[in-house]
Amino acid sequence: MIKLEYFNGESWVSCGEFGNERIAWISLGGDDFNYRTVDDSGVVLTDKSI
């Protein structure tokens, strides 16, 4: 599972779990600023907060 997380300025907040990374990003529509995806091992796959 892939976790989608949002950075609220202080910490990362979980926004849900998805079967793959593509579906996680599609769920946001076009507003993906300050989000990242993380795999089951805790490895950050994509970080759009930078």
PDB file of N, CA and C in Angstrom:
ATOM      1  N   MET A   1       0.850  -1.193   0.000  1.00  0.00           N
ATOM      2  CA  MET A   1       0.000   0.000   0.000  1.00  0.00           C
ATOM      3  C   MET A   1       0.889   1.248   0.000  1.00  0.00           C
ATOM      4  N   ILE A   2       0.368   2.297  -0.591  1.00  0.00           N
ATOM      5  CA  ILE A   2       1.056   3.577  -0.656  1.00  0.00           C
ATOM      6  C   ILE A   2       0.297   4.570   0.212  1.00  0.00           C
ATOM      7  N   LYS A   3       1.007   5.258   1.087  1.00  0.00           N
ATOM      8  CA  LYS A   3       0.387   6.267   1.945  1.00  0.00           C
ATOM      9  C   LYS A   3       0.563   7.637   1.313  1.00  0.00           C
ATOM     10  N   LEU A   4      -0.499   8.417   1.329  1.00  0.00           N
ATOM     11  CA  LEU A   4      -0.466   9.794   0.867  1.00  0.00           C
ATOM     12  C   LEU A   4      -0.469  10.667   2.112  1.00  0.00           C
ATOM     13  N   GLU A   5       0.481  11.600   2.178  1.00  0.00           N
ATOM     14  CA  GLU A   5       0.603  12.461   3.357  1.00  0.00           C
ATOM     15  C   GLU A   5       0.665  13.915   2.930  1.00  0.00           C
ATOM     16  N   TYR A   6       0.147  14.798   3.787  1.00  0.00           N
ATOM     17  CA  TYR A   6       0.137  16.241   3.555  1.00  0.00           C
ATOM     18  C   TYR A   6       0.964  16.923   4.635  1.00  0.00           C
ATOM     19  N   PHE A   7       1.802  17.890   4.241  1.00  0.00           N
ATOM     20  CA  PHE A   7       2.590  18.650   5.216  1.00  0.00           C
ATOM     21  C   PHE A   7       1.830  19.920   5.560  1.00  0.00           C
ATOM     22  N   ASN A   8       1.414  20.055   6.817  1.00  0.00           N
ATOM     23  CA  ASN A   8       0.593  21.194   7.243  1.00  0.00           C
ATOM     24  C   ASN A   8       1.409  22.355   7.780  1.00  0.00           C
ATOM     25  N   GLY A   9       2.716  22.315   7.586  1.00  0.00           N
ATOM     26  CA  GLY A   9       3.587  23.375   8.066  1.00  0.00           C
ATOM     27  C   GLY A   9       4.333  22.983   9.328  1.00  0.00           C
ATOM     28  N   GLU A  10       3.845  21.963  10.023  1.00  0.00           N
ATOM     29  CA  GLU A  10       4.483  21.492  11.246  1.00  0.00           C
ATOM     30  C   GLU A  10       4.798  20.000  11.202  1.00  0.00           C
ATOM     31  N   SER A  11       3.905  19.216  10.609  1.00  0.00           N
ATOM     32  CA  SER A  11       4.099  17.761  10.579  1.00  0.00           C
ATOM     33  C   SER A  11       3.369  17.166   9.378  1.00  0.00           C
ATOM     34  N   TRP A  12       3.693  15.899   9.088  1.00  0.00           N
ATOM     35  CA  TRP A  12       3.037  15.172   8.004  1.00  0.00           C
ATOM     36  C   TRP A  12       1.768  14.526   8.538  1.00  0.00           C
ATOM     37  N   VAL A  13       0.663  14.724   7.815  1.00  0.00           N
ATOM     38  CA  VAL A  13      -0.643  14.197   8.194  1.00  0.00           C
ATOM     39  C   VAL A  13      -1.070  13.171   7.144  1.00  0.00           C
ATOM     40  N   SER A  14      -1.502  12.004   7.589  1.00  0.00           N
ATOM     41  CA  SER A  14      -1.934  10.955   6.673  1.00  0.00           C
ATOM     42  C   SER A  14      -3.251  11.337   6.000  1.00  0.00           C
ATOM     43  N   CYS A  15      -3.314  11.116   4.688  1.00  0.00           N
ATOM     44  CA  CYS A  15      -4.516  11.431   3.906  1.00  0.00           C
ATOM     45  C   CYS A  15      -5.153  10.192   3.300  1.00  0.00           C
ATOM     46  N   GLY A  16      -4.589   9.037   3.574  1.00  0.00           N
ATOM     47  CA  GLY A  16      -5.176   7.810   3.060  1.00  0.00           C
ATOM     48  C   GLY A  16      -4.138   6.850   2.527  1.00  0.00           C
ATOM     49  N   GLU A  17      -4.612   5.643   2.221  1.00  0.00           N
ATOM     50  CA  GLU A  17      -3.762   4.604   1.649  1.00  0.00           C
ATOM     51  C   GLU A  17      -4.358   4.150   0.327  1.00  0.00           C
ATOM     52  N   PHE A  18      -3.480   3.875  -0.623  1.00  0.00           N
ATOM     53  CA  PHE A  18      -3.897   3.540  -1.973  1.00  0.00           C
ATOM     54  C   PHE A  18      -3.125   2.330  -2.473  1.00  0.00           C
ATOM     55  N   GLY A  19      -3.680   1.663  -3.468  1.00  0.00           N
ATOM     56  CA  GLY A  19      -3.060   0.474  -4.028  1.00  0.00           C
ATOM     57  C   GLY A  19      -1.771   0.744  -4.775  1.00  0.00           C
ATOM     58  N   ASN A  20      -1.664   1.940  -5.364  1.00  0.00           N
ATOM     59  CA  ASN A  20      -0.425   2.312  -6.042  1.00  0.00           C
ATOM     60  C   ASN A  20      -0.266   3.833  -6.026  1.00  0.00           C
ATOM     61  N   GLU A  21       0.927   4.271  -6.386  1.00  0.00           N
ATOM     62  CA  GLU A  21       1.258   5.695  -6.294  1.00  0.00           C
ATOM     63  C   GLU A  21       0.438   6.541  -7.269  1.00  0.00           C
ATOM     64  N   ARG A  22       0.207   6.039  -8.449  1.00  0.00           N
ATOM     65  CA  ARG A  22      -0.541   6.803  -9.451  1.00  0.00           C
ATOM     66  C   ARG A  22      -1.952   7.139  -8.967  1.00  0.00           C
ATOM     67  N   ILE A  23      -2.632   6.173  -8.385  1.00  0.00           N
ATOM     68  CA  ILE A  23      -3.985   6.410  -7.878  1.00  0.00           C
ATOM     69  C   ILE A  23      -3.964   7.430  -6.744  1.00  0.00           C
ATOM     70  N   ALA A  24      -2.941   7.390  -5.914  1.00  0.00           N
ATOM     71  CA  ALA A  24      -2.826   8.370  -4.823  1.00  0.00           C
ATOM     72  C   ALA A  24      -2.771   9.792  -5.373  1.00  0.00           C
ATOM     73  N   TRP A  25      -1.942  10.008  -6.406  1.00  0.00           N
ATOM     74  CA  TRP A  25      -1.835  11.354  -6.980  1.00  0.00           C
ATOM     75  C   TRP A  25      -3.098  11.754  -7.727  1.00  0.00           C
ATOM     76  N   ILE A  26      -3.722  10.824  -8.426  1.00  0.00           N
ATOM     77  CA  ILE A  26      -4.959  11.129  -9.145  1.00  0.00           C
ATOM     78  C   ILE A  26      -6.061  11.551  -8.176  1.00  0.00           C
ATOM     79  N   SER A  27      -6.067  10.984  -6.984  1.00  0.00           N
ATOM     80  CA  SER A  27      -7.102  11.317  -5.999  1.00  0.00           C
ATOM     81  C   SER A  27      -7.088  12.784  -5.603  1.00  0.00           C
ATOM     82  N   LEU A  28      -5.961  13.447  -5.799  1.00  0.00           N
ATOM     83  CA  LEU A  28      -5.847  14.862  -5.427  1.00  0.00           C
ATOM     84  C   LEU A  28      -6.355  15.812  -6.505  1.00  0.00           C
ATOM     85  N   GLY A  29      -6.555  15.323  -7.684  1.00  0.00           N
ATOM     86  CA  GLY A  29      -6.900  16.210  -8.785  1.00  0.00           C
ATOM     87  C   GLY A  29      -5.651  16.989  -9.172  1.00  0.00           C
ATOM     88  N   GLY A  30      -5.745  18.270  -9.318  1.00  0.00           N
ATOM     89  CA  GLY A  30      -4.595  19.087  -9.703  1.00  0.00           C
ATOM     90  C   GLY A  30      -3.876  19.740  -8.546  1.00  0.00           C
ATOM     91  N   ASP A  31      -4.428  19.683  -7.360  1.00  0.00           N
ATOM     92  CA  ASP A  31      -3.843  20.365  -6.202  1.00  0.00           C
ATOM     93  C   ASP A  31      -2.983  19.384  -5.413  1.00  0.00           C
ATOM     94  N   ASP A  32      -1.702  19.263  -5.777  1.00  0.00           N
ATOM     95  CA  ASP A  32      -0.837  18.307  -5.105  1.00  0.00           C
ATOM     96  C   ASP A  32       0.334  18.962  -4.371  1.00  0.00           C
ATOM     97  N   PHE A  33       0.286  20.277  -4.167  1.00  0.00           N
ATOM     98  CA  PHE A  33       1.345  20.992  -3.460  1.00  0.00           C
ATOM     99  C   PHE A  33       1.365  20.578  -1.986  1.00  0.00           C
ATOM    100  N   ASN A  34       2.546  20.308  -1.448  1.00  0.00           N
ATOM    101  CA  ASN A  34       2.786  19.908  -0.053  1.00  0.00           C
ATOM    102  C   ASN A  34       2.347  18.481   0.256  1.00  0.00           C
ATOM    103  N   TYR A  35       2.295  17.624  -0.740  1.00  0.00           N
ATOM    104  CA  TYR A  35       1.967  16.211  -0.530  1.00  0.00           C
ATOM    105  C   TYR A  35       3.177  15.352  -0.840  1.00  0.00           C
ATOM    106  N   ARG A  36       3.168  14.145  -0.287  1.00  0.00           N
ATOM    107  CA  ARG A  36       4.176  13.149  -0.615  1.00  0.00           C
ATOM    108  C   ARG A  36       3.552  11.761  -0.533  1.00  0.00           C
ATOM    109  N   THR A  37       4.208  10.809  -1.195  1.00  0.00           N
ATOM    110  CA  THR A  37       3.799   9.416  -1.109  1.00  0.00           C
ATOM    111  C   THR A  37       4.911   8.630  -0.428  1.00  0.00           C
ATOM    112  N   VAL A  38       4.494   7.644   0.389  1.00  0.00           N
ATOM    113  CA  VAL A  38       5.425   6.843   1.184  1.00  0.00           C
ATOM    114  C   VAL A  38       5.022   5.374   1.041  1.00  0.00           C
ATOM    115  N   ASP A  39       6.006   4.488   0.868  1.00  0.00           N
ATOM    116  CA  ASP A  39       5.678   3.069   0.768  1.00  0.00           C
ATOM    117  C   ASP A  39       5.580   2.426   2.153  1.00  0.00           C
ATOM    118  N   ASP A  40       5.294   1.119   2.181  1.00  0.00           N
ATOM    119  CA  ASP A  40       5.114   0.392   3.445  1.00  0.00           C
ATOM    120  C   ASP A  40       6.360   0.392   4.329  1.00  0.00           C
ATOM    121  N   SER A  41       7.525   0.553   3.718  1.00  0.00           N
ATOM    122  CA  SER A  41       8.781   0.556   4.467  1.00  0.00           C
ATOM    123  C   SER A  41       9.126   1.933   5.032  1.00  0.00           C
ATOM    124  N   GLY A  42       8.321   2.939   4.683  1.00  0.00           N
ATOM    125  CA  GLY A  42       8.589   4.300   5.146  1.00  0.00           C
ATOM    126  C   GLY A  42       9.453   5.109   4.208  1.00  0.00           C
ATOM    127  N   VAL A  43       9.747   4.547   3.040  1.00  0.00           N
ATOM    128  CA  VAL A  43      10.568   5.239   2.037  1.00  0.00           C
ATOM    129  C   VAL A  43       9.706   6.234   1.268  1.00  0.00           C
ATOM    130  N   VAL A  44      10.155   7.486   1.215  1.00  0.00           N
ATOM    131  CA  VAL A  44       9.430   8.511   0.460  1.00  0.00           C
ATOM    132  C   VAL A  44       9.645   8.255  -1.025  1.00  0.00           C
ATOM    133  N   LEU A  45       8.547   8.102  -1.752  1.00  0.00           N
ATOM    134  CA  LEU A  45       8.621   7.833  -3.176  1.00  0.00           C
ATOM    135  C   LEU A  45       8.658   9.131  -3.986  1.00  0.00           C
ATOM    136  N   THR A  46       7.709  10.005  -3.725  1.00  0.00           N
ATOM    137  CA  THR A  46       7.629  11.299  -4.397  1.00  0.00           C
ATOM    138  C   THR A  46       7.258  12.342  -3.362  1.00  0.00           C
ATOM    139  N   ASP A  47       7.985  13.470  -3.373  1.00  0.00           N
ATOM    140  CA  ASP A  47       7.747  14.551  -2.421  1.00  0.00           C
ATOM    141  C   ASP A  47       7.532  15.842  -3.192  1.00  0.00           C
ATOM    142  N   LYS A  48       6.319  16.392  -3.109  1.00  0.00           N
ATOM    143  CA  LYS A  48       6.016  17.645  -3.821  1.00  0.00           C
ATOM    144  C   LYS A  48       5.896  18.803  -2.841  1.00  0.00           C
ATOM    145  N   SER A  49       6.614  18.709  -1.723  1.00  0.00           N
ATOM    146  CA  SER A  49       6.587  19.782  -0.729  1.00  0.00           C
ATOM    147  C   SER A  49       7.794  20.703  -0.849  1.00  0.00           C
ATOM    148  N   ILE A  50       8.704  20.357  -1.735  1.00  0.00           N
ATOM    149  CA  ILE A  50       9.954  21.121  -1.862  1.00  0.00           C
ATOM    150  C   ILE A  50       9.797  22.195  -2.904  1.00  0.00           C
TER     151      ILE A  50
END
